Amino acid sequence: MVKARAGTDAWWLPRAVVALRVHIFEKVNGDRAVTLPNATHGPEVFERVYAHPHADGRSEGAGLSDLFWYWLTPGPEVHQEHLEPGARYQDVAATTRRVVAGNSADLAAAAARAVADALDAVPDTRISLVRLRDLMMPAWAAFCYELVFQEPCPPPARKLITAHANDVISALKCTGLRHPRRRARLTGYLRDRVAAGDVPHRLPPSLSVPEQVHYLQGTFFNTAVVQLSEATAHVLLAVARHPEVQRRLRADPDDDTYLTRVLDETMRLYPLFGIAHRITTGDIALDAETVLPTGSVVCFSYPGYHATGYERPDEFDPDRWADLAVKDAHHIPYGVAANRPCPAWRLSPLALRAAVREVLHRFRLDSTVSHTRSIPHRAPCLLIPHGLPPRPRHLAALRGFVRLRDGVEDVTRGVRQLLLGTVMVLHARKQRPATRYFEGRRTGGCPVHQVERGNG
């Protein structure tokens, strides 16, 4: 579930708008939902339940599933994160692992090339104001294309993938409505490529050809592109807002140790997932007196879990990892091994390190915007080319403009998210894509992709 937090630090943002927006999304859970950790059941219960074999249901029976499926169309029924446990999930997960496998040096080099190509469009003779997520998305579109097709990404394909991924994440953050026709253009492109035999990987044999197309679109050109773009934006924005961290990274760009600490701290404080939900397929005991019955919806709060067990949990401090092993910390940026871990747990850090180095090799970063987990502002940032003569007054004016614009956008965006989020929640509840899909499977009716409609 996406909980929009933009602007909650601004004193003048109407608190009623924020509270109402959060309430709308929480109500989607229904009455049979529990969020962990909570005041009664802390991080130890979170860990035990998350890894429990009965916490393995993914979509069937949860009100949240209708909303997520609505956002992730087309093909949410074969999206790896939303497949029910079983042979099809194992088949799809194995395929994804094969696609993202590879030599570490080659993967890092491919990521660096993709980011360098995107940065070539940024002038090196003046300060540029960019939104980091927008800057990085075409790079990761090209990178993921190369993973899937094992060839350089042509500009038209990169444009299709970027438009699709941006549409998905804008809808998820309620900053824009869905545009099914925009997404369908990528579907058509991938359908033609699959039909022509252009995908060198063995696609999941348990899926039909249309399902294989939707699998590629959802896993690689939706989730992978979006998550890599969001992660890079978070890291670079954190670096931009902490000059001392940036100085240390630039002083020794080849120091993997400190850069890894920066990545770990960024993913701790700004996890890409807000909440992961599971449906229990058997009873799970929370404590000696409390049992979650079969069919319960369990919402695992990554921010809540990542805030436990640390001194100054709200402070960005990469040095905390100098004496703290990731395996001993409350830190699961890629999920837990026992319950559908992210297949890119090895690839992502390689790619992110390469991306950060490429950006810092060319620019100094500066930003005065707020930094929240959801970054609905897409991470505005000033890129200052190395070697550019210093102009303190000009930079101060730009920093002031960025701060002022961010404050104004917080208010207008908060209202827009409330309105658009309400529209999409109601539309998703009317369409019931997940519910209708599982009903269709039981009765032999139409699959969800045959009844999907647009926003009207």
Protein backbone atom coordinates (compact mmCIF):
# COMPACT_ATOMS: atom_id res chain seq x y z
CA MET A 1 0.00 0.00 0.00
CA VAL A 2 1.22 3.49 -0.80
CA LYS A 3 0.77 5.99 1.98
CA ALA A 4 1.39 9.46 0.63
CA ARG A 5 3.52 11.42 3.10
CA ALA A 6 4.50 14.38 0.96
CA GLY A 7 4.34 17.65 2.77
CA THR A 8 3.75 16.32 6.26
CA ASP A 9 6.77 18.30 7.44
CA ALA A 10 5.31 21.57 6.18
CA TRP A 11 3.54 23.40 8.99
CA TRP A 12 1.16 25.15 6.63
CA LEU A 13 -0.06 22.02 4.82
CA PRO A 14 -3.66 21.42 5.92
CA ARG A 15 -3.41 18.52 8.32
CA ALA A 16 -6.97 17.49 7.57
CA VAL A 17 -6.02 16.73 3.95
CA VAL A 18 -3.11 14.51 5.02
CA ALA A 19 -5.18 12.71 7.66
CA LEU A 20 -8.09 12.10 5.31
CA ARG A 21 -5.84 10.76 2.56
CA VAL A 22 -4.15 8.30 4.92
CA HIS A 23 -7.54 7.23 6.30
CA ILE A 24 -8.84 6.44 2.81
CA PHE A 25 -5.98 4.06 2.09
CA GLU A 26 -6.08 2.41 5.49
CA LYS A 27 -9.80 1.62 5.07
CA VAL A 28 -9.01 -0.48 2.00
CA ASN A 29 -7.46 -3.06 4.33
CA GLY A 30 -10.80 -4.00 5.84
CA ASP A 31 -11.38 -5.25 9.34
CA ARG A 32 -9.36 -8.48 9.14
CA ALA A 33 -5.99 -6.77 8.77
CA VAL A 34 -3.14 -6.31 11.20
CA THR A 35 -0.05 -4.16 10.67
CA LEU A 36 3.32 -5.28 12.06
CA PRO A 37 5.22 -4.10 13.96
CA ASN A 38 2.79 -2.33 16.25
CA ALA A 39 2.60 -1.16 19.86
CA THR A 40 1.84 -4.69 21.07
CA HIS A 41 3.87 -6.84 18.71
CA GLY A 42 7.35 -5.54 17.99
CA PRO A 43 10.12 -6.31 15.48
CA GLU A 44 10.67 -9.87 16.72
CA VAL A 45 7.05 -10.75 15.94
CA PHE A 46 7.37 -8.95 12.59
CA GLU A 47 10.36 -11.15 11.70
CA ARG A 48 8.76 -14.39 12.86
CA VAL A 49 5.46 -13.80 11.09
CA TYR A 50 7.06 -12.54 7.88
CA ALA A 51 9.09 -15.75 7.65
CA HIS A 52 6.19 -18.02 8.69
CA PRO A 53 5.19 -20.60 6.03
CA HIS A 54 1.52 -19.66 6.51
CA ALA A 55 2.21 -16.02 5.56
CA ASP A 56 2.43 -17.01 1.92
CA GLY A 57 -0.85 -15.89 0.34
CA ARG A 58 -0.34 -12.95 -1.94
CA SER A 59 -3.46 -11.66 -3.66
CA GLU A 60 -6.54 -13.83 -3.21
CA GLY A 61 -8.79 -12.66 -0.41
CA ALA A 62 -7.33 -9.19 0.29
CA GLY A 63 -9.13 -5.92 -0.42
CA LEU A 64 -5.74 -4.34 -1.06
CA SER A 65 -5.20 -6.66 -4.00
CA ASP A 66 -7.95 -5.02 -6.04
CA LEU A 67 -6.21 -1.68 -5.59
CA PHE A 68 -2.73 -2.96 -6.44
CA TRP A 69 -3.96 -4.93 -9.44
CA TYR A 70 -5.78 -1.82 -10.65
CA TRP A 71 -2.55 0.18 -10.44
CA LEU A 72 -0.36 -2.52 -12.01
CA THR A 73 -2.44 -3.39 -15.08
CA PRO A 74 -1.95 -4.85 -17.58
CA GLY A 75 -1.18 -8.37 -16.43
CA PRO A 76 -1.17 -8.12 -12.62
CA GLU A 77 -2.26 -11.77 -12.48
CA VAL A 78 1.24 -12.81 -13.70
CA HIS A 79 3.21 -10.08 -11.97
CA GLN A 80 5.84 -11.94 -9.96
CA GLU A 81 5.09 -10.09 -6.75
CA HIS A 82 1.37 -10.88 -6.99
CA LEU A 83 1.36 -14.52 -8.07
CA GLU A 84 0.05 -16.99 -5.53
CA PRO A 85 2.58 -19.51 -4.20
CA GLY A 86 2.94 -22.63 -6.28
CA ALA A 87 4.41 -23.94 -9.50
CA ARG A 88 3.68 -20.83 -11.57
CA TYR A 89 5.34 -18.56 -9.04
CA GLN A 90 8.40 -20.82 -8.86
CA ASP A 91 8.60 -20.92 -12.66
CA VAL A 92 8.37 -17.14 -12.98
CA ALA A 93 10.81 -16.47 -10.12
CA ALA A 94 13.38 -18.83 -11.63
CA THR A 95 13.12 -17.03 -14.98
CA THR A 96 13.64 -13.65 -13.34
CA ARG A 97 16.71 -14.89 -11.51
CA ARG A 98 18.19 -16.13 -14.79
CA VAL A 99 17.57 -12.80 -16.54
CA VAL A 100 19.19 -10.69 -13.81
CA ALA A 101 22.13 -13.06 -13.32
CA GLY A 102 25.49 -12.18 -14.77
CA ASN A 103 29.06 -11.18 -14.11
CA SER A 104 29.22 -8.41 -11.51
CA ALA A 105 31.68 -6.31 -13.48
CA ASP A 106 29.59 -6.59 -16.64
CA LEU A 107 26.39 -5.61 -14.83
CA ALA A 108 28.06 -2.61 -13.18
CA ALA A 109 29.52 -1.52 -16.51
CA ALA A 110 26.13 -1.77 -18.21
CA ALA A 111 24.56 0.34 -15.46
CA ALA A 112 27.32 2.94 -15.73
CA ARG A 113 26.85 3.15 -19.53
CA ALA A 114 23.10 3.60 -19.21
CA VAL A 115 23.46 6.36 -16.63
CA ALA A 116 26.23 8.06 -18.61
CA ASP A 117 24.00 8.16 -21.69
CA ALA A 118 21.26 9.85 -19.66
CA LEU A 119 23.71 12.35 -18.17
CA ASP A 120 25.05 13.30 -21.60
CA ALA A 121 21.83 15.26 -22.07
CA VAL A 122 22.59 17.47 -19.05
CA PRO A 123 24.64 20.62 -19.91
CA ASP A 124 28.12 20.78 -18.42
CA THR A 125 28.39 24.56 -18.74
CA ARG A 126 25.73 25.65 -16.24
CA ILE A 127 23.80 24.55 -13.17
CA SER A 128 20.78 22.42 -14.05
CA LEU A 129 17.65 21.89 -11.99
CA VAL A 130 16.38 18.35 -12.51
CA ARG A 131 14.08 15.85 -10.88
CA LEU A 132 16.31 12.91 -10.12
CA ARG A 133 13.68 10.24 -10.67
CA ASP A 134 12.89 11.65 -14.11
CA LEU A 135 16.59 11.88 -14.93
CA MET A 136 17.29 8.28 -13.95
CA MET A 137 14.22 6.55 -15.38
CA PRO A 138 15.36 6.52 -19.04
CA ALA A 139 18.72 5.16 -17.90
CA TRP A 140 17.16 2.24 -16.08
CA ALA A 141 14.71 1.68 -18.94
CA ALA A 142 17.71 1.17 -21.22
CA PHE A 143 19.50 -0.98 -18.65
CA CYS A 144 16.52 -3.32 -18.17
CA TYR A 145 15.97 -3.52 -21.93
CA GLU A 146 19.56 -4.73 -22.27
CA LEU A 147 19.00 -7.33 -19.55
CA VAL A 148 15.96 -8.72 -21.36
CA PHE A 149 17.02 -8.45 -25.01
CA GLN A 150 20.81 -8.55 -24.57
CA GLU A 151 21.31 -5.70 -27.02
CA PRO A 152 21.52 -1.89 -26.78
CA CYS A 153 18.19 -0.15 -26.27
CA PRO A 154 16.95 1.90 -29.24
CA PRO A 155 15.55 5.34 -28.35
CA PRO A 156 11.92 4.53 -29.35
CA ALA A 157 11.87 1.52 -27.01
CA ARG A 158 13.41 3.53 -24.18
CA LYS A 159 10.70 6.16 -24.66
CA LEU A 160 7.93 3.53 -24.52
CA ILE A 161 9.34 1.90 -21.39
CA THR A 162 9.90 5.23 -19.62
CA ALA A 163 6.37 6.44 -20.38
CA HIS A 164 4.91 3.18 -19.10
CA ALA A 165 6.98 3.10 -15.89
CA ASN A 166 6.29 6.75 -15.15
CA ASP A 167 2.56 6.20 -15.61
CA VAL A 168 2.59 3.29 -13.15
CA ILE A 169 4.51 5.07 -10.41
CA SER A 170 2.52 8.30 -10.81
CA ALA A 171 -0.70 6.33 -10.30
CA LEU A 172 0.73 4.46 -7.32
CA LYS A 173 1.64 7.77 -5.67
CA CYS A 174 -1.72 9.27 -6.67
CA THR A 175 -0.07 12.18 -8.47
CA GLY A 176 -1.77 11.17 -11.71
CA LEU A 177 -4.47 8.86 -13.04
CA ARG A 178 -3.71 5.67 -14.94
CA HIS A 179 -3.47 5.81 -18.73
CA PRO A 180 -4.17 2.25 -19.97
CA ARG A 181 -3.65 3.18 -23.62
CA ARG A 182 -0.19 4.50 -22.84
CA ARG A 183 0.64 1.20 -21.17
CA ALA A 184 -0.92 -0.76 -24.04
CA ARG A 185 1.60 0.72 -26.49
CA LEU A 186 4.42 -1.01 -24.61
CA THR A 187 2.37 -4.22 -24.46
CA GLY A 188 2.00 -4.18 -28.23
CA TYR A 189 5.72 -3.59 -28.73
CA LEU A 190 6.65 -6.48 -26.43
CA ARG A 191 4.04 -8.74 -28.03
CA ASP A 192 5.67 -8.21 -31.41
CA ARG A 193 9.15 -8.85 -30.04
CA VAL A 194 8.11 -12.06 -28.27
CA ALA A 195 6.26 -13.28 -31.36
CA ALA A 196 9.37 -12.63 -33.47
CA GLY A 197 11.52 -14.68 -31.09
CA ASP A 198 13.63 -11.67 -30.11
CA VAL A 199 13.84 -12.55 -26.41
CA PRO A 200 16.95 -14.72 -25.96
CA HIS A 201 15.87 -15.98 -22.54
CA ARG A 202 13.64 -18.99 -22.00
CA LEU A 203 10.37 -17.44 -20.83
CA PRO A 204 8.22 -19.19 -18.20
CA PRO A 205 6.71 -22.25 -19.94
CA SER A 206 3.79 -22.29 -17.50
CA LEU A 207 2.57 -18.98 -18.97
CA SER A 208 0.76 -18.46 -22.24
CA VAL A 209 2.33 -16.11 -24.80
CA PRO A 210 0.11 -13.15 -23.75
CA GLU A 211 1.00 -13.90 -20.12
CA GLN A 212 4.71 -13.99 -20.99
CA VAL A 213 4.37 -10.54 -22.53
CA HIS A 214 2.67 -9.22 -19.39
CA TYR A 215 5.30 -10.91 -17.22
CA LEU A 216 8.09 -9.05 -19.05
CA GLN A 217 6.20 -5.79 -18.90
CA GLY A 218 5.33 -6.03 -15.21
CA THR A 219 8.55 -7.48 -13.82
CA PHE A 220 11.25 -5.74 -15.85
CA PHE A 221 9.69 -2.67 -17.45
CA ASN A 222 7.49 -1.74 -14.52
CA THR A 223 8.87 -2.92 -11.19
CA ALA A 224 12.57 -3.05 -12.08
CA VAL A 225 12.64 0.34 -13.83
CA VAL A 226 10.52 2.02 -11.16
CA GLN A 227 12.39 0.61 -8.18
CA LEU A 228 15.84 1.33 -9.59
CA SER A 229 14.76 4.89 -10.46
CA GLU A 230 13.29 5.47 -7.01
CA ALA A 231 16.31 3.97 -5.26
CA THR A 232 18.78 6.08 -7.23
CA ALA A 233 16.74 9.21 -6.60
CA HIS A 234 16.69 8.47 -2.86
CA VAL A 235 20.46 7.91 -2.67
CA LEU A 236 21.34 10.97 -4.73
CA LEU A 237 18.88 13.20 -2.85
CA ALA A 238 20.30 12.03 0.48
CA VAL A 239 23.81 12.80 -0.80
CA ALA A 240 22.66 16.22 -2.06
CA ARG A 241 21.18 17.08 1.34
CA HIS A 242 24.26 15.95 3.32
CA PRO A 243 27.37 17.76 2.02
CA GLU A 244 29.72 15.94 4.41
CA VAL A 245 28.60 12.58 2.98
CA GLN A 246 29.09 13.90 -0.55
CA ARG A 247 32.59 15.15 0.27
CA ARG A 248 33.62 11.73 1.60
CA LEU A 249 32.24 9.96 -1.46
CA ARG A 250 34.02 12.33 -3.83
CA ALA A 251 37.28 12.12 -1.88
CA ASP A 252 37.56 8.39 -2.57
CA PRO A 253 35.15 7.39 -5.35
CA ASP A 254 36.45 3.83 -5.41
CA ASP A 255 35.73 3.21 -1.71
CA ASP A 256 33.05 0.54 -1.87
CA THR A 257 32.82 0.33 1.90
CA TYR A 258 31.58 3.85 2.56
CA LEU A 259 29.34 3.91 -0.51
CA THR A 260 27.74 0.66 0.64
CA ARG A 261 27.08 2.25 4.04
CA VAL A 262 25.40 5.19 2.29
CA LEU A 263 23.22 2.78 0.30
CA ASP A 264 22.32 0.76 3.41
CA GLU A 265 21.40 3.86 5.38
CA THR A 266 19.35 5.26 2.53
CA MET A 267 17.38 2.03 2.14
CA ARG A 268 16.90 1.86 5.91
CA LEU A 269 15.52 5.36 6.25
CA TYR A 270 13.70 5.45 2.90
CA PRO A 271 12.67 1.88 2.08
CA LEU A 272 11.21 1.45 -1.38
CA PHE A 273 8.29 -0.52 -0.02
CA GLY A 274 5.97 1.14 2.46
CA ILE A 275 3.92 -1.93 3.25
CA ALA A 276 4.02 -5.47 1.90
CA HIS A 277 0.83 -7.41 2.49
CA ARG A 278 0.32 -11.15 2.74
CA ILE A 279 -2.76 -13.32 3.30
CA THR A 280 -2.45 -16.10 5.85
CA THR A 281 -3.11 -19.60 4.53
CA GLY A 282 -3.15 -21.06 8.05
CA ASP A 283 -3.37 -19.85 11.62
CA ILE A 284 -0.36 -17.91 12.95
CA ALA A 285 0.20 -17.24 16.65
CA LEU A 286 1.31 -13.70 17.44
CA ASP A 287 1.71 -14.46 21.13
CA ALA A 288 0.36 -16.87 23.74
CA GLU A 289 -3.09 -15.29 23.57
CA THR A 290 -3.42 -13.91 20.05
CA VAL A 291 -3.80 -15.96 16.88
CA LEU A 292 -4.18 -14.67 13.36
CA PRO A 293 -6.83 -16.88 11.73
CA THR A 294 -6.58 -18.20 8.20
CA GLY A 295 -7.51 -15.53 5.67
CA SER A 296 -6.13 -12.60 7.68
CA VAL A 297 -4.34 -9.79 5.87
CA VAL A 298 -0.96 -9.03 7.40
CA CYS A 299 0.63 -5.70 6.46
CA PHE A 300 4.37 -5.64 7.05
CA SER A 301 5.51 -2.05 7.56
CA TYR A 302 9.05 -1.61 6.30
CA PRO A 303 9.40 1.94 7.68
CA GLY A 304 8.06 0.78 11.06
CA TYR A 305 10.47 -2.15 11.21
CA HIS A 306 13.45 -0.12 9.98
CA ALA A 307 12.87 2.43 12.73
CA THR A 308 13.36 -0.13 15.52
CA GLY A 309 16.63 -1.09 17.12
CA TYR A 310 18.60 2.03 16.23
CA GLU A 311 19.79 5.09 18.10
CA ARG A 312 18.40 8.24 16.45
CA PRO A 313 16.39 6.23 13.90
CA ASP A 314 15.16 9.35 12.09
CA GLU A 315 18.69 10.63 11.47
CA PHE A 316 20.59 9.90 8.25
CA ASP A 317 23.90 8.49 9.48
CA PRO A 318 25.84 6.12 7.20
CA ASP A 319 28.52 5.72 9.87
CA ARG A 320 26.11 3.74 12.03
CA TRP A 321 26.93 0.81 9.72
CA ALA A 322 30.63 0.92 10.58
CA ASP A 323 29.99 -1.26 13.62
CA LEU A 324 26.65 -2.74 12.61
CA ALA A 325 26.32 -5.83 10.45
CA VAL A 326 23.33 -5.80 8.09
CA LYS A 327 22.46 -9.37 9.07
CA ASP A 328 22.12 -8.32 12.72
CA ALA A 329 20.12 -5.15 12.05
CA HIS A 330 16.43 -4.54 11.47
CA HIS A 331 17.07 -3.99 7.80
CA ILE A 332 15.31 -5.80 4.93
CA PRO A 333 15.59 -3.59 1.84
CA TYR A 334 15.03 -6.61 -0.38
CA GLY A 335 12.55 -8.51 1.78
CA VAL A 336 13.24 -11.71 3.70
CA ALA A 337 14.73 -14.88 2.26
CA ALA A 338 11.90 -17.05 3.59
CA ASN A 339 9.09 -15.09 1.93
CA ARG A 340 9.46 -14.02 -1.70
CA PRO A 341 12.71 -12.01 -1.54
CA CYS A 342 13.47 -9.48 -4.26
CA PRO A 343 15.20 -11.32 -7.14
CA ALA A 344 17.43 -8.28 -7.70
CA TRP A 345 18.97 -8.35 -4.21
CA ARG A 346 22.41 -8.90 -5.78
CA LEU A 347 21.98 -6.79 -8.91
CA SER A 348 20.56 -3.63 -7.33
CA PRO A 349 23.55 -2.67 -5.14
CA LEU A 350 25.92 -3.20 -8.07
CA ALA A 351 23.83 -0.99 -10.32
CA LEU A 352 23.25 1.68 -7.69
CA ARG A 353 26.93 1.99 -6.82
CA ALA A 354 27.78 2.37 -10.50
CA ALA A 355 25.08 5.00 -10.96
CA VAL A 356 26.12 7.10 -7.96
CA ARG A 357 29.76 7.05 -9.05
CA GLU A 358 28.85 8.13 -12.57
CA VAL A 359 26.77 11.07 -11.33
CA LEU A 360 29.32 12.25 -8.76
CA HIS A 361 32.08 11.97 -11.34
CA ARG A 362 30.36 14.73 -13.32
CA PHE A 363 28.41 16.83 -10.85
CA ARG A 364 28.16 18.20 -7.36
CA LEU A 365 24.64 17.80 -6.01
CA ASP A 366 22.64 20.30 -3.99
CA SER A 367 19.03 20.22 -2.86
CA THR A 368 16.89 22.03 -0.30
CA VAL A 369 13.70 19.99 -0.76
CA SER A 370 12.07 17.75 1.82
CA HIS A 371 13.01 14.07 1.73
CA THR A 372 10.25 11.57 2.47
CA ARG A 373 9.97 7.88 1.73
CA SER A 374 7.50 8.33 -1.11
CA ILE A 375 9.29 11.31 -2.79
CA PRO A 376 6.20 12.28 -4.81
CA HIS A 377 8.08 15.42 -5.88
CA ARG A 378 10.45 13.13 -7.85
CA ALA A 379 13.48 14.52 -6.01
CA PRO A 380 14.29 18.02 -7.33
CA CYS A 381 18.03 18.63 -7.28
CA LEU A 382 20.64 21.06 -8.61
CA LEU A 383 23.42 19.49 -10.69
CA ILE A 384 26.57 21.62 -10.56
CA PRO A 385 29.22 20.59 -13.12
CA HIS A 386 32.73 20.13 -11.77
CA GLY A 387 35.00 22.96 -12.85
CA LEU A 388 32.18 25.46 -13.16
CA PRO A 389 33.35 28.83 -11.71
CA PRO A 390 31.66 29.42 -8.35
CA ARG A 391 28.82 31.95 -8.29
CA PRO A 392 27.63 31.96 -4.68
CA ARG A 393 24.80 34.47 -5.17
CA HIS A 394 23.44 32.62 -8.19
CA LEU A 395 23.54 29.32 -6.33
CA ALA A 396 21.88 30.85 -3.28
CA ALA A 397 19.07 32.21 -5.46
CA LEU A 398 18.56 28.82 -7.08
CA ARG A 399 18.51 27.08 -3.70
CA GLY A 400 15.92 29.54 -2.46
CA PHE A 401 13.76 28.97 -5.54
CA VAL A 402 13.94 25.19 -5.12
CA ARG A 403 12.92 25.47 -1.48
CA LEU A 404 10.02 27.82 -2.22
CA ARG A 405 8.72 25.75 -5.13
CA ASP A 406 8.89 22.57 -3.06
CA GLY A 407 6.82 24.18 -0.32
CA VAL A 408 4.15 25.39 -2.73
CA GLU A 409 4.04 22.03 -4.52
CA ASP A 410 3.61 20.21 -1.21
CA VAL A 411 0.27 21.92 -0.70
CA THR A 412 -1.08 21.60 -4.23
CA ARG A 413 0.20 18.04 -4.59
CA GLY A 414 -1.35 16.98 -1.29
CA VAL A 415 -4.78 18.09 -2.45
CA ARG A 416 -4.28 16.46 -5.85
CA GLN A 417 -3.22 13.18 -4.27
CA LEU A 418 -6.30 13.21 -2.09
CA LEU A 419 -8.63 13.77 -5.03
CA LEU A 420 -6.96 11.41 -7.48
CA GLY A 421 -6.40 8.76 -4.84
CA THR A 422 -10.07 8.83 -3.93
CA VAL A 423 -11.08 8.51 -7.59
CA MET A 424 -8.79 5.52 -8.15
CA VAL A 425 -9.74 3.77 -4.91
CA LEU A 426 -13.41 4.02 -5.83
CA HIS A 427 -12.75 2.94 -9.41
CA ALA A 428 -10.68 -0.03 -8.25
CA ARG A 429 -13.42 -1.09 -5.86
CA LYS A 430 -15.92 -0.88 -8.70
CA GLN A 431 -13.78 -2.90 -11.11
CA ARG A 432 -12.53 -5.43 -8.51
CA PRO A 433 -9.84 -6.80 -10.86
CA ALA A 434 -8.30 -9.28 -8.40
CA THR A 435 -11.62 -10.39 -6.98
CA ARG A 436 -13.10 -10.96 -10.44
CA TYR A 437 -10.00 -12.83 -11.59
CA PHE A 438 -10.15 -15.33 -8.74
CA GLU A 439 -13.91 -15.66 -9.11
CA GLY A 440 -13.34 -16.35 -12.80
CA ARG A 441 -10.79 -19.05 -12.05
CA ARG A 442 -13.27 -20.80 -9.79
CA THR A 443 -16.12 -20.55 -12.29
CA GLY A 444 -14.25 -20.66 -15.61
CA GLY A 445 -15.03 -17.01 -16.43
CA CYS A 446 -12.98 -14.33 -18.19
CA PRO A 447 -9.47 -13.51 -16.94
CA VAL A 448 -8.93 -10.00 -15.67
CA HIS A 449 -7.06 -8.72 -18.71
CA GLN A 450 -10.17 -9.32 -20.84
CA VAL A 451 -12.39 -7.14 -18.67
CA GLU A 452 -9.98 -4.32 -17.77
CA ARG A 453 -11.24 -0.86 -18.54
CA GLY A 454 -9.64 2.56 -18.47
CA ASN A 455 -10.25 5.53 -16.21
CA GLY A 456 -13.04 6.83 -18.43
